[in-house]
């Protein structure tokens, strides 16, 4: 798989390059900042772009703003955001933006190389993969929304796991429920949030959560 990396820490950048290369991926560019990012994406046509959130020159939000820009100019490009923090405002915008697959992982919580590489593959193939802490903070902020308030505690648990990119089978295993029960909960969640269930339902729910927050419903 062709992968582009944008990460300012030389040790982390080279470490990710090595991990991906050893796993058989082709790192087509490894940038230290967002200068030339758009041009690099256009020239290398990556299957996935991995970006840090806080990049030079201000080390605040350059990376995630660049991700939002890429979402507008290359909407189908899968993106994996790596961060030490949950940038809630921009995370909501990025999740709500129409486009390709998305991952948002927290660096300090990536503890397993095989799991990280699996996440990379899943995102490139179209999955949404969010760190549970990202999901928890977004759900917490949106808990005041009238639509969110309609969800039962169990439906909130299912929604959080769904948002992490887990399959119905995986959710059933975590909650010790049958897949049929999980399907019923997901149907109820979509109904209460006013959404139609489809094969990309997890992203639709996340977009709805971001909409609820941003619109103040």
N, C-alpha and C. Protein backbone atom coordinates (compact mmCIF):
# COMPACT_ATOMS: atom_id res chain seq x y z
N UNK A 1 0.83 -1.19 0.00
CA UNK A 1 0.00 0.00 0.00
C UNK A 1 0.88 1.25 0.00
N UNK A 2 0.49 2.26 -0.76
CA UNK A 2 1.23 3.52 -0.83
C UNK A 2 0.75 4.45 0.30
N UNK A 3 1.68 4.86 1.16
CA UNK A 3 1.33 5.66 2.33
C UNK A 3 2.19 6.91 2.41
N UNK A 4 1.55 8.04 2.72
CA UNK A 4 2.26 9.30 2.93
C UNK A 4 2.17 9.65 4.41
N UNK A 5 3.30 10.09 4.99
CA UNK A 5 3.37 10.44 6.41
C UNK A 5 3.74 11.90 6.58
N UNK A 6 3.07 12.55 7.53
CA UNK A 6 3.41 13.94 7.88
C UNK A 6 3.53 14.00 9.41
N UNK A 7 4.77 13.99 9.90
CA UNK A 7 5.06 13.91 11.34
C UNK A 7 6.36 14.65 11.61
N UNK A 8 6.35 15.60 12.56
CA UNK A 8 7.53 16.44 12.78
C UNK A 8 8.62 15.76 13.58
N UNK A 9 8.28 14.84 14.47
CA UNK A 9 9.29 14.16 15.28
C UNK A 9 10.06 13.18 14.40
N UNK A 10 11.36 13.43 14.24
CA UNK A 10 12.15 12.60 13.34
C UNK A 10 12.20 11.15 13.81
N UNK A 11 12.30 10.94 15.13
CA UNK A 11 12.36 9.57 15.64
C UNK A 11 11.05 8.83 15.39
N UNK A 12 9.93 9.50 15.68
CA UNK A 12 8.64 8.86 15.46
C UNK A 12 8.38 8.66 13.97
N UNK A 13 8.73 9.68 13.18
CA UNK A 13 8.52 9.58 11.73
C UNK A 13 9.29 8.40 11.14
N UNK A 14 10.58 8.31 11.49
CA UNK A 14 11.40 7.22 10.96
C UNK A 14 10.95 5.87 11.52
N UNK A 15 10.46 5.88 12.77
CA UNK A 15 9.95 4.64 13.34
C UNK A 15 8.72 4.13 12.61
N UNK A 16 7.81 5.05 12.28
CA UNK A 16 6.60 4.66 11.53
C UNK A 16 6.98 4.19 10.14
N UNK A 17 7.92 4.90 9.51
CA UNK A 17 8.39 4.48 8.17
C UNK A 17 8.91 3.05 8.23
N UNK A 18 9.72 2.76 9.24
CA UNK A 18 10.31 1.42 9.37
C UNK A 18 9.22 0.36 9.59
N UNK A 19 8.28 0.66 10.50
CA UNK A 19 7.21 -0.29 10.77
C UNK A 19 6.41 -0.60 9.51
N UNK A 20 6.04 0.46 8.80
CA UNK A 20 5.22 0.28 7.60
C UNK A 20 6.00 -0.45 6.50
N UNK A 21 7.26 -0.08 6.34
CA UNK A 21 8.09 -0.71 5.32
C UNK A 21 8.28 -2.20 5.62
N UNK A 22 8.55 -2.51 6.90
CA UNK A 22 8.74 -3.91 7.29
C UNK A 22 7.47 -4.72 7.07
N UNK A 23 6.32 -4.04 7.13
CA UNK A 23 5.04 -4.72 6.93
C UNK A 23 4.68 -4.83 5.44
N UNK A 24 5.57 -4.33 4.58
CA UNK A 24 5.35 -4.47 3.14
C UNK A 24 4.71 -3.28 2.46
N UNK A 25 4.54 -2.18 3.20
CA UNK A 25 3.94 -0.99 2.61
C UNK A 25 5.00 -0.11 1.95
N UNK A 26 4.57 0.74 1.05
CA UNK A 26 5.46 1.65 0.32
C UNK A 26 5.23 3.07 0.83
N UNK A 27 6.16 3.59 1.61
CA UNK A 27 6.05 4.96 2.12
C UNK A 27 6.53 5.90 1.01
N UNK A 28 5.60 6.58 0.37
CA UNK A 28 5.92 7.38 -0.81
C UNK A 28 6.44 8.76 -0.46
N UNK A 29 6.20 9.23 0.77
CA UNK A 29 6.73 10.51 1.24
C UNK A 29 6.64 10.54 2.76
N UNK A 30 7.64 11.17 3.40
CA UNK A 30 7.66 11.33 4.86
C UNK A 30 8.04 12.78 5.15
N UNK A 31 7.04 13.60 5.42
CA UNK A 31 7.23 15.05 5.57
C UNK A 31 7.30 15.44 7.04
N UNK A 32 8.08 16.51 7.32
CA UNK A 32 8.22 17.01 8.68
C UNK A 32 7.19 18.08 9.02
N UNK A 33 6.53 18.65 8.00
CA UNK A 33 5.50 19.66 8.22
C UNK A 33 4.57 19.64 7.02
N UNK A 34 3.62 20.57 6.99
CA UNK A 34 2.61 20.55 5.94
C UNK A 34 3.04 21.30 4.68
N UNK A 35 4.23 21.90 4.69
CA UNK A 35 4.71 22.56 3.47
C UNK A 35 4.86 21.52 2.37
N UNK A 36 4.19 21.76 1.27
CA UNK A 36 4.28 20.84 0.15
C UNK A 36 3.43 19.59 0.28
N UNK A 37 2.58 19.53 1.31
CA UNK A 37 1.75 18.35 1.52
C UNK A 37 0.80 18.11 0.36
N UNK A 38 0.08 19.16 -0.04
CA UNK A 38 -0.88 19.01 -1.13
C UNK A 38 -0.19 18.53 -2.40
N UNK A 39 0.98 19.10 -2.68
CA UNK A 39 1.72 18.72 -3.88
C UNK A 39 2.20 17.27 -3.79
N UNK A 40 2.63 16.86 -2.59
CA UNK A 40 3.10 15.49 -2.40
C UNK A 40 1.96 14.49 -2.59
N UNK A 41 0.78 14.84 -2.09
CA UNK A 41 -0.38 13.96 -2.26
C UNK A 41 -0.73 13.84 -3.74
N UNK A 42 -0.73 14.97 -4.45
CA UNK A 42 -1.06 14.95 -5.87
C UNK A 42 -0.03 14.15 -6.67
N UNK A 43 1.24 14.27 -6.29
CA UNK A 43 2.30 13.62 -7.06
C UNK A 43 2.42 12.13 -6.77
N UNK A 44 2.17 11.74 -5.51
CA UNK A 44 2.42 10.34 -5.12
C UNK A 44 1.17 9.47 -5.10
N UNK A 45 -0.01 10.10 -5.12
CA UNK A 45 -1.28 9.37 -5.14
C UNK A 45 -1.32 8.26 -4.09
N UNK A 46 -1.20 8.62 -2.79
CA UNK A 46 -1.17 7.59 -1.75
C UNK A 46 -2.54 6.95 -1.53
N UNK A 47 -2.52 5.76 -0.96
CA UNK A 47 -3.76 5.07 -0.59
C UNK A 47 -4.18 5.45 0.82
N UNK A 48 -3.27 6.08 1.57
CA UNK A 48 -3.54 6.51 2.94
C UNK A 48 -2.58 7.62 3.30
N UNK A 49 -3.08 8.60 4.05
CA UNK A 49 -2.23 9.69 4.54
C UNK A 49 -2.29 9.70 6.07
N UNK A 50 -1.12 9.65 6.72
CA UNK A 50 -1.01 9.68 8.18
C UNK A 50 -0.47 11.03 8.60
N UNK A 51 -1.20 11.75 9.47
CA UNK A 51 -0.80 13.09 9.87
C UNK A 51 -0.81 13.24 11.39
N UNK A 52 0.22 13.92 11.90
CA UNK A 52 0.22 14.37 13.28
C UNK A 52 -0.69 15.59 13.36
N UNK A 53 -1.22 15.88 14.55
CA UNK A 53 -2.09 17.05 14.71
C UNK A 53 -1.29 18.32 14.86
N UNK A 54 -0.29 18.32 15.73
CA UNK A 54 0.46 19.54 16.05
C UNK A 54 1.79 19.53 15.33
N UNK A 55 1.89 20.40 14.34
CA UNK A 55 3.06 20.44 13.46
C UNK A 55 3.62 21.86 13.41
N UNK A 56 4.88 22.02 12.92
CA UNK A 56 5.44 23.36 12.76
C UNK A 56 4.56 24.18 11.81
N UNK A 57 4.59 25.52 11.95
CA UNK A 57 5.48 26.28 12.83
C UNK A 57 4.95 26.55 14.23
N UNK A 58 3.62 26.46 14.46
CA UNK A 58 3.08 26.84 15.77
C UNK A 58 2.85 25.66 16.69
N UNK A 59 2.87 24.44 16.15
CA UNK A 59 2.63 23.23 16.94
C UNK A 59 1.29 23.28 17.67
N UNK A 60 0.27 23.77 16.97
CA UNK A 60 -1.07 23.81 17.56
C UNK A 60 -2.02 22.88 16.81
N UNK A 61 -2.42 23.29 15.61
CA UNK A 61 -3.43 22.49 14.91
C UNK A 61 -3.16 22.37 13.41
N UNK A 62 -1.90 22.62 13.01
CA UNK A 62 -1.59 22.59 11.57
C UNK A 62 -1.97 21.26 10.90
N UNK A 63 -1.67 20.17 11.59
CA UNK A 63 -1.90 18.87 10.99
C UNK A 63 -3.36 18.56 10.75
N UNK A 64 -4.19 18.84 11.76
CA UNK A 64 -5.60 18.50 11.60
C UNK A 64 -6.29 19.47 10.65
N UNK A 65 -5.82 20.71 10.60
CA UNK A 65 -6.36 21.64 9.59
C UNK A 65 -5.96 21.20 8.19
N UNK A 66 -4.75 20.65 8.07
CA UNK A 66 -4.32 20.11 6.78
C UNK A 66 -5.17 18.91 6.40
N UNK A 67 -5.55 18.10 7.39
CA UNK A 67 -6.43 16.95 7.12
C UNK A 67 -7.78 17.42 6.60
N UNK A 68 -8.31 18.48 7.20
CA UNK A 68 -9.58 19.04 6.73
C UNK A 68 -9.45 19.56 5.31
N UNK A 69 -8.31 20.18 5.02
CA UNK A 69 -8.08 20.69 3.66
C UNK A 69 -8.00 19.53 2.66
N UNK A 70 -7.28 18.47 3.05
CA UNK A 70 -7.20 17.31 2.17
C UNK A 70 -8.57 16.70 1.94
N UNK A 71 -9.41 16.73 2.97
CA UNK A 71 -10.76 16.17 2.84
C UNK A 71 -11.55 16.92 1.77
N UNK A 72 -11.25 18.22 1.61
CA UNK A 72 -11.98 19.00 0.61
C UNK A 72 -11.40 18.85 -0.79
N UNK A 73 -10.07 18.69 -0.90
CA UNK A 73 -9.45 18.60 -2.23
C UNK A 73 -9.30 17.16 -2.72
N UNK A 74 -9.22 16.21 -1.77
CA UNK A 74 -9.11 14.79 -2.14
C UNK A 74 -10.06 14.02 -1.22
N UNK A 75 -11.35 14.18 -1.41
CA UNK A 75 -12.33 13.68 -0.44
C UNK A 75 -12.31 12.18 -0.19
N UNK A 76 -11.89 11.39 -1.15
CA UNK A 76 -11.91 9.94 -0.95
C UNK A 76 -10.62 9.39 -0.35
N UNK A 77 -9.63 10.24 -0.11
CA UNK A 77 -8.36 9.79 0.45
C UNK A 77 -8.54 9.39 1.91
N UNK A 78 -8.27 8.14 2.28
CA UNK A 78 -8.34 7.74 3.69
C UNK A 78 -7.30 8.48 4.52
N UNK A 79 -7.70 8.92 5.71
CA UNK A 79 -6.82 9.69 6.58
C UNK A 79 -6.71 9.03 7.94
N UNK A 80 -5.49 9.02 8.48
CA UNK A 80 -5.25 8.57 9.85
C UNK A 80 -4.58 9.71 10.60
N UNK A 81 -5.28 10.25 11.57
CA UNK A 81 -4.75 11.33 12.40
C UNK A 81 -4.14 10.72 13.66
N UNK A 82 -2.88 11.07 13.92
CA UNK A 82 -2.19 10.63 15.13
C UNK A 82 -1.98 11.84 16.03
N UNK A 83 -2.30 11.72 17.30
CA UNK A 83 -2.19 12.87 18.17
C UNK A 83 -1.92 12.45 19.60
N UNK A 84 -1.39 13.37 20.39
CA UNK A 84 -1.29 13.16 21.83
C UNK A 84 -2.53 13.67 22.54
N UNK A 85 -3.40 14.36 21.79
CA UNK A 85 -4.55 15.01 22.39
C UNK A 85 -5.80 14.75 21.55
N UNK A 86 -6.96 14.92 22.20
CA UNK A 86 -8.23 14.89 21.48
C UNK A 86 -8.60 16.33 21.15
N UNK A 87 -8.41 16.72 19.91
CA UNK A 87 -8.80 18.06 19.47
C UNK A 87 -10.27 18.00 19.09
N UNK A 88 -11.15 18.24 20.09
CA UNK A 88 -12.56 17.93 19.92
C UNK A 88 -13.22 18.70 18.78
N UNK A 89 -12.93 19.99 18.70
CA UNK A 89 -13.59 20.81 17.68
C UNK A 89 -13.25 20.30 16.29
N UNK A 90 -11.96 20.15 16.02
CA UNK A 90 -11.54 19.73 14.69
C UNK A 90 -11.88 18.27 14.43
N UNK A 91 -11.83 17.46 15.48
CA UNK A 91 -12.20 16.05 15.31
C UNK A 91 -13.65 15.95 14.86
N UNK A 92 -14.52 16.74 15.45
CA UNK A 92 -15.92 16.74 15.05
C UNK A 92 -16.08 17.18 13.60
N UNK A 93 -15.37 18.23 13.22
CA UNK A 93 -15.45 18.71 11.84
C UNK A 93 -14.96 17.65 10.86
N UNK A 94 -13.88 16.99 11.22
CA UNK A 94 -13.30 15.99 10.33
C UNK A 94 -14.21 14.78 10.20
N UNK A 95 -14.80 14.37 11.31
CA UNK A 95 -15.71 13.23 11.29
C UNK A 95 -16.96 13.56 10.48
N UNK A 96 -17.45 14.79 10.62
CA UNK A 96 -18.67 15.18 9.92
C UNK A 96 -18.44 15.41 8.43
N UNK A 97 -17.20 15.69 8.02
CA UNK A 97 -16.91 15.97 6.61
C UNK A 97 -17.18 14.74 5.76
N UNK A 98 -17.78 14.96 4.62
CA UNK A 98 -18.03 13.86 3.70
C UNK A 98 -16.72 13.43 3.05
N UNK A 99 -16.55 12.14 2.87
CA UNK A 99 -15.33 11.69 2.21
C UNK A 99 -14.95 10.28 2.58
N UNK A 100 -13.66 9.99 2.43
CA UNK A 100 -13.16 8.64 2.63
C UNK A 100 -13.06 8.23 4.08
N UNK A 101 -12.41 7.10 4.29
CA UNK A 101 -12.30 6.52 5.62
C UNK A 101 -11.45 7.40 6.54
N UNK A 102 -11.64 7.22 7.84
CA UNK A 102 -10.96 8.07 8.81
C UNK A 102 -10.52 7.28 10.03
N UNK A 103 -9.33 7.59 10.52
CA UNK A 103 -8.86 7.06 11.80
C UNK A 103 -8.37 8.21 12.66
N UNK A 104 -8.58 8.12 13.96
CA UNK A 104 -8.05 9.12 14.91
C UNK A 104 -7.55 8.34 16.11
N UNK A 105 -6.22 8.20 16.20
CA UNK A 105 -5.60 7.42 17.26
C UNK A 105 -4.71 8.31 18.13
N UNK A 106 -4.67 8.01 19.40
CA UNK A 106 -3.83 8.76 20.34
C UNK A 106 -2.49 8.04 20.49
N UNK A 107 -1.41 8.77 20.26
CA UNK A 107 -0.07 8.17 20.23
C UNK A 107 0.24 7.39 21.49
N UNK A 108 -0.03 7.97 22.65
CA UNK A 108 0.35 7.33 23.91
C UNK A 108 -0.44 6.07 24.19
N UNK A 109 -1.54 5.86 23.45
CA UNK A 109 -2.39 4.69 23.69
C UNK A 109 -2.19 3.61 22.62
N UNK A 110 -1.28 3.87 21.66
CA UNK A 110 -0.95 2.84 20.68
C UNK A 110 0.12 1.95 21.30
N UNK A 111 -0.32 0.83 21.85
CA UNK A 111 0.59 -0.01 22.63
C UNK A 111 0.98 -1.29 21.92
N UNK A 112 0.34 -1.58 20.79
CA UNK A 112 0.58 -2.84 20.11
C UNK A 112 0.83 -2.59 18.63
N UNK A 113 2.01 -2.99 18.14
CA UNK A 113 2.38 -2.74 16.75
C UNK A 113 1.43 -3.44 15.78
N UNK A 114 1.11 -4.70 16.08
CA UNK A 114 0.23 -5.45 15.18
C UNK A 114 -1.15 -4.81 15.09
N UNK A 115 -1.63 -4.30 16.23
CA UNK A 115 -2.94 -3.63 16.23
C UNK A 115 -2.89 -2.33 15.43
N UNK A 116 -1.78 -1.59 15.55
CA UNK A 116 -1.62 -0.37 14.78
C UNK A 116 -1.62 -0.67 13.29
N UNK A 117 -0.85 -1.68 12.89
CA UNK A 117 -0.78 -2.03 11.47
C UNK A 117 -2.13 -2.51 10.96
N UNK A 118 -2.87 -3.22 11.81
CA UNK A 118 -4.21 -3.65 11.44
C UNK A 118 -5.13 -2.45 11.23
N UNK A 119 -5.01 -1.44 12.11
CA UNK A 119 -5.81 -0.23 11.97
C UNK A 119 -5.49 0.48 10.66
N UNK A 120 -4.20 0.55 10.32
CA UNK A 120 -3.78 1.17 9.06
C UNK A 120 -4.46 0.48 7.88
N UNK A 121 -4.44 -0.83 7.87
CA UNK A 121 -5.05 -1.59 6.78
C UNK A 121 -6.55 -1.39 6.73
N UNK A 122 -7.19 -1.44 7.89
CA UNK A 122 -8.65 -1.29 7.93
C UNK A 122 -9.09 0.08 7.46
N UNK A 123 -8.36 1.13 7.86
CA UNK A 123 -8.72 2.48 7.43
C UNK A 123 -8.56 2.61 5.92
N UNK A 124 -7.46 2.09 5.38
CA UNK A 124 -7.23 2.15 3.94
C UNK A 124 -8.33 1.41 3.17
N UNK A 125 -8.91 0.41 3.82
CA UNK A 125 -9.96 -0.38 3.17
C UNK A 125 -11.36 0.20 3.39
N UNK A 126 -11.44 1.33 4.12
CA UNK A 126 -12.72 2.00 4.24
C UNK A 126 -13.34 2.06 5.62
N UNK A 127 -12.64 1.56 6.64
CA UNK A 127 -13.21 1.53 7.98
C UNK A 127 -12.99 2.85 8.71
N UNK A 128 -13.84 3.11 9.70
CA UNK A 128 -13.63 4.21 10.64
C UNK A 128 -13.05 3.62 11.91
N UNK A 129 -11.88 4.11 12.33
CA UNK A 129 -11.21 3.57 13.52
C UNK A 129 -10.86 4.74 14.44
N UNK A 130 -11.54 4.84 15.56
CA UNK A 130 -11.30 5.92 16.51
C UNK A 130 -10.87 5.35 17.85
N UNK A 131 -9.90 6.00 18.47
CA UNK A 131 -9.50 5.61 19.81
C UNK A 131 -10.70 5.75 20.75
N UNK A 132 -10.90 4.80 21.66
CA UNK A 132 -12.04 4.89 22.58
C UNK A 132 -12.09 6.20 23.36
N UNK A 133 -10.93 6.79 23.67
CA UNK A 133 -10.92 8.05 24.41
C UNK A 133 -11.48 9.18 23.56
N UNK A 134 -11.21 9.16 22.25
CA UNK A 134 -11.78 10.16 21.34
C UNK A 134 -13.30 10.03 21.36
N UNK A 135 -13.78 8.80 21.23
CA UNK A 135 -15.22 8.55 21.24
C UNK A 135 -15.84 9.02 22.55
N UNK A 136 -15.20 8.68 23.66
CA UNK A 136 -15.74 9.03 24.98
C UNK A 136 -15.88 10.54 25.14
N UNK A 137 -14.87 11.29 24.70
CA UNK A 137 -14.93 12.74 24.85
C UNK A 137 -15.98 13.35 23.95
N UNK A 138 -16.11 12.85 22.73
CA UNK A 138 -17.14 13.38 21.83
C UNK A 138 -18.53 13.06 22.36
N UNK A 139 -18.73 11.84 22.83
CA UNK A 139 -20.03 11.46 23.38
C UNK A 139 -20.36 12.29 24.62
N UNK A 140 -19.36 12.55 25.44
CA UNK A 140 -19.59 13.33 26.65
C UNK A 140 -20.04 14.75 26.31
N UNK A 141 -19.41 15.34 25.30
CA UNK A 141 -19.77 16.71 24.92
C UNK A 141 -21.16 16.76 24.32
N UNK A 142 -21.57 15.67 23.66
CA UNK A 142 -22.85 15.70 22.97
C UNK A 142 -24.00 15.12 23.81
N UNK A 143 -23.69 14.76 25.05
CA UNK A 143 -24.69 14.09 25.87
C UNK A 143 -25.87 15.01 26.21
N UNK A 144 -25.68 16.32 26.07
CA UNK A 144 -26.76 17.24 26.38
C UNK A 144 -27.74 17.36 25.22
N UNK A 145 -27.39 16.84 24.05
CA UNK A 145 -28.28 16.96 22.90
C UNK A 145 -29.56 16.18 23.13
N UNK A 146 -30.69 16.74 22.67
CA UNK A 146 -31.98 16.10 22.91
C UNK A 146 -32.05 14.73 22.26
N UNK A 147 -31.45 14.57 21.08
CA UNK A 147 -31.47 13.26 20.42
C UNK A 147 -30.63 12.25 21.20
N UNK A 148 -29.44 12.68 21.63
CA UNK A 148 -28.60 11.78 22.40
C UNK A 148 -29.28 11.37 23.70
N UNK A 149 -30.04 12.28 24.28
CA UNK A 149 -30.69 12.01 25.56
C UNK A 149 -31.71 10.89 25.44
N UNK A 150 -32.16 10.60 24.24
CA UNK A 150 -33.14 9.54 24.04
C UNK A 150 -32.53 8.14 24.14
N UNK A 151 -31.20 8.06 24.02
CA UNK A 151 -30.55 6.76 24.01
C UNK A 151 -30.46 6.17 25.42
N UNK A 152 -30.68 4.87 25.51
CA UNK A 152 -30.50 4.18 26.78
C UNK A 152 -29.01 3.99 27.05
N UNK A 153 -28.68 3.60 28.28
CA UNK A 153 -27.28 3.36 28.62
C UNK A 153 -26.68 2.28 27.72
N UNK A 154 -27.45 1.22 27.47
CA UNK A 154 -26.96 0.14 26.61
C UNK A 154 -26.75 0.64 25.19
N UNK A 155 -27.64 1.48 24.69
CA UNK A 155 -27.49 2.02 23.33
C UNK A 155 -26.27 2.93 23.23
N UNK A 156 -25.97 3.63 24.31
CA UNK A 156 -24.76 4.45 24.32
C UNK A 156 -23.51 3.57 24.26
N UNK A 157 -23.54 2.45 24.97
CA UNK A 157 -22.41 1.52 24.92
C UNK A 157 -22.23 1.00 23.50
N UNK A 158 -23.32 0.60 22.87
CA UNK A 158 -23.25 0.08 21.51
C UNK A 158 -22.76 1.16 20.56
N UNK A 159 -23.25 2.38 20.73
CA UNK A 159 -22.85 3.48 19.87
C UNK A 159 -21.35 3.76 19.98
N UNK A 160 -20.83 3.74 21.21
CA UNK A 160 -19.41 3.99 21.41
C UNK A 160 -18.56 2.92 20.73
N UNK A 161 -18.97 1.67 20.84
CA UNK A 161 -18.22 0.58 20.22
C UNK A 161 -18.36 0.63 18.70
N UNK A 162 -19.53 0.99 18.23
CA UNK A 162 -19.75 1.15 16.79
C UNK A 162 -18.84 2.24 16.24
N UNK A 163 -18.71 3.32 17.01
CA UNK A 163 -17.88 4.44 16.58
C UNK A 163 -16.41 4.08 16.52
N UNK A 164 -16.01 3.07 17.30
CA UNK A 164 -14.62 2.63 17.27
C UNK A 164 -14.32 1.77 16.05
N UNK A 165 -15.35 1.51 15.25
CA UNK A 165 -15.15 0.72 14.04
C UNK A 165 -15.37 -0.77 14.24
N UNK A 166 -15.93 -1.16 15.39
CA UNK A 166 -16.14 -2.57 15.66
C UNK A 166 -17.34 -3.11 14.87
N UNK A 167 -17.24 -4.36 14.46
CA UNK A 167 -18.33 -5.03 13.76
C UNK A 167 -19.41 -5.42 14.76
N UNK A 168 -20.59 -5.78 14.24
CA UNK A 168 -21.67 -6.26 15.12
C UNK A 168 -21.21 -7.46 15.93
N UNK A 169 -20.46 -8.35 15.30
CA UNK A 169 -19.98 -9.54 15.98
C UNK A 169 -19.04 -9.17 17.13
N UNK A 170 -18.14 -8.21 16.88
CA UNK A 170 -17.20 -7.78 17.91
C UNK A 170 -17.92 -7.09 19.07
N UNK A 171 -18.91 -6.27 18.74
CA UNK A 171 -19.68 -5.59 19.79
C UNK A 171 -20.42 -6.61 20.65
N UNK A 172 -21.00 -7.62 20.00
CA UNK A 172 -21.71 -8.67 20.73
C UNK A 172 -20.77 -9.38 21.70
N UNK A 173 -19.53 -9.64 21.26
CA UNK A 173 -18.56 -10.32 22.11
C UNK A 173 -18.19 -9.46 23.32
N UNK A 174 -17.99 -8.15 23.09
CA UNK A 174 -17.60 -7.26 24.18
C UNK A 174 -18.71 -7.15 25.23
N UNK A 175 -19.95 -7.06 24.77
CA UNK A 175 -21.09 -6.84 25.68
C UNK A 175 -21.78 -8.14 26.11
N UNK A 176 -21.27 -9.28 25.64
CA UNK A 176 -21.84 -10.58 25.98
C UNK A 176 -23.32 -10.65 25.61
N UNK A 177 -23.61 -10.18 24.40
CA UNK A 177 -24.97 -10.23 23.87
C UNK A 177 -24.96 -10.96 22.54
N UNK A 178 -26.12 -11.32 22.05
CA UNK A 178 -26.20 -11.96 20.74
C UNK A 178 -26.09 -10.90 19.65
N UNK A 179 -25.70 -11.32 18.45
CA UNK A 179 -25.64 -10.39 17.33
C UNK A 179 -27.02 -9.84 17.01
N UNK A 180 -28.05 -10.67 17.19
CA UNK A 180 -29.42 -10.21 16.94
C UNK A 180 -29.77 -9.05 17.87
N UNK A 181 -29.35 -9.15 19.13
CA UNK A 181 -29.61 -8.07 20.09
C UNK A 181 -28.87 -6.80 19.69
N UNK A 182 -27.64 -6.96 19.23
CA UNK A 182 -26.87 -5.79 18.81
C UNK A 182 -27.53 -5.13 17.61
N UNK A 183 -28.01 -5.92 16.66
CA UNK A 183 -28.69 -5.36 15.50
C UNK A 183 -29.92 -4.56 15.92
N UNK A 184 -30.66 -5.06 16.91
CA UNK A 184 -31.84 -4.34 17.40
C UNK A 184 -31.43 -3.02 18.04
N UNK A 185 -30.36 -3.04 18.83
CA UNK A 185 -29.88 -1.80 19.46
C UNK A 185 -29.45 -0.78 18.40
N UNK A 186 -28.73 -1.24 17.38
CA UNK A 186 -28.25 -0.34 16.33
C UNK A 186 -29.43 0.26 15.57
N UNK A 187 -30.44 -0.57 15.29
CA UNK A 187 -31.63 -0.06 14.62
C UNK A 187 -32.30 1.03 15.45
N UNK A 188 -32.38 0.80 16.76
CA UNK A 188 -32.99 1.79 17.66
C UNK A 188 -32.17 3.08 17.69
N UNK A 189 -30.84 2.94 17.68
CA UNK A 189 -29.97 4.12 17.68
C UNK A 189 -30.20 4.96 16.44
N UNK A 190 -30.21 4.31 15.29
CA UNK A 190 -30.43 5.04 14.04
C UNK A 190 -31.79 5.74 14.05
N UNK A 191 -32.80 5.04 14.54
CA UNK A 191 -34.14 5.63 14.57
C UNK A 191 -34.18 6.86 15.47
N UNK A 192 -33.58 6.75 16.65
CA UNK A 192 -33.61 7.86 17.60
C UNK A 192 -32.79 9.06 17.12
N UNK A 193 -31.72 8.78 16.35
CA UNK A 193 -30.90 9.87 15.82
C UNK A 193 -31.39 10.35 14.45
N UNK A 194 -32.46 9.73 13.96
CA UNK A 194 -33.03 10.16 12.70
C UNK A 194 -32.18 9.80 11.50
N UNK A 195 -31.54 8.63 11.54
CA UNK A 195 -30.65 8.22 10.46
C UNK A 195 -31.12 6.91 9.85
N UNK A 196 -30.74 6.69 8.61
CA UNK A 196 -30.99 5.42 7.96
C UNK A 196 -29.73 4.56 8.08
N UNK A 197 -29.90 3.33 8.51
CA UNK A 197 -28.75 2.42 8.64
C UNK A 197 -28.27 2.01 7.26
N UNK A 198 -26.96 2.00 7.07
CA UNK A 198 -26.39 1.50 5.82
C UNK A 198 -25.03 0.90 6.13
N UNK A 199 -24.30 0.52 5.08
CA UNK A 199 -23.02 -0.16 5.30
C UNK A 199 -21.99 0.76 5.92
N UNK A 200 -22.20 2.08 5.90
CA UNK A 200 -21.27 3.01 6.53
C UNK A 200 -21.94 3.69 7.71
N UNK A 201 -22.81 2.91 8.39
CA UNK A 201 -23.60 3.46 9.47
C UNK A 201 -22.77 4.10 10.57
N UNK A 202 -21.59 3.53 10.88
CA UNK A 202 -20.80 4.11 11.96
C UNK A 202 -20.40 5.54 11.66
N UNK A 203 -20.03 5.82 10.41
CA UNK A 203 -19.67 7.19 10.05
C UNK A 203 -20.90 8.09 10.06
N UNK A 204 -22.03 7.57 9.70
CA UNK A 204 -23.25 8.38 9.72
C UNK A 204 -23.61 8.78 11.14
N UNK A 205 -23.45 7.85 12.07
CA UNK A 205 -23.73 8.18 13.47
C UNK A 205 -22.76 9.23 13.97
N UNK A 206 -21.48 9.07 13.66
CA UNK A 206 -20.49 10.05 14.10
C UNK A 206 -20.77 11.42 13.50
N UNK A 207 -21.18 11.44 12.24
CA UNK A 207 -21.52 12.71 11.61
C UNK A 207 -22.71 13.34 12.32
N UNK A 208 -23.66 12.52 12.71
CA UNK A 208 -24.82 13.03 13.44
C UNK A 208 -24.41 13.61 14.79
N UNK A 209 -23.49 12.92 15.49
CA UNK A 209 -23.03 13.42 16.78
C UNK A 209 -22.34 14.77 16.61
N UNK A 210 -21.50 14.86 15.59
CA UNK A 210 -20.83 16.13 15.34
C UNK A 210 -21.84 17.22 15.00
N UNK A 211 -22.86 16.86 14.24
CA UNK A 211 -23.90 17.84 13.87
C UNK A 211 -24.66 18.31 15.11
N UNK A 212 -24.99 17.35 15.98
CA UNK A 212 -25.71 17.72 17.21
C UNK A 212 -24.90 18.71 18.02
N UNK A 213 -23.59 18.44 18.14
CA UNK A 213 -22.72 19.34 18.92
C UNK A 213 -22.61 20.71 18.27
N UNK A 214 -22.34 20.71 16.96
CA UNK A 214 -22.06 21.96 16.27
C UNK A 214 -23.29 22.84 16.14
N UNK A 215 -24.48 22.20 16.06
CA UNK A 215 -25.69 22.98 15.88
C UNK A 215 -26.36 23.31 17.21
N UNK A 216 -25.86 22.67 18.29
CA UNK A 216 -26.41 22.96 19.60
C UNK A 216 -27.79 22.38 19.83
N UNK A 217 -28.17 21.34 19.08
CA UNK A 217 -29.48 20.72 19.25
C UNK A 217 -29.56 20.00 20.59
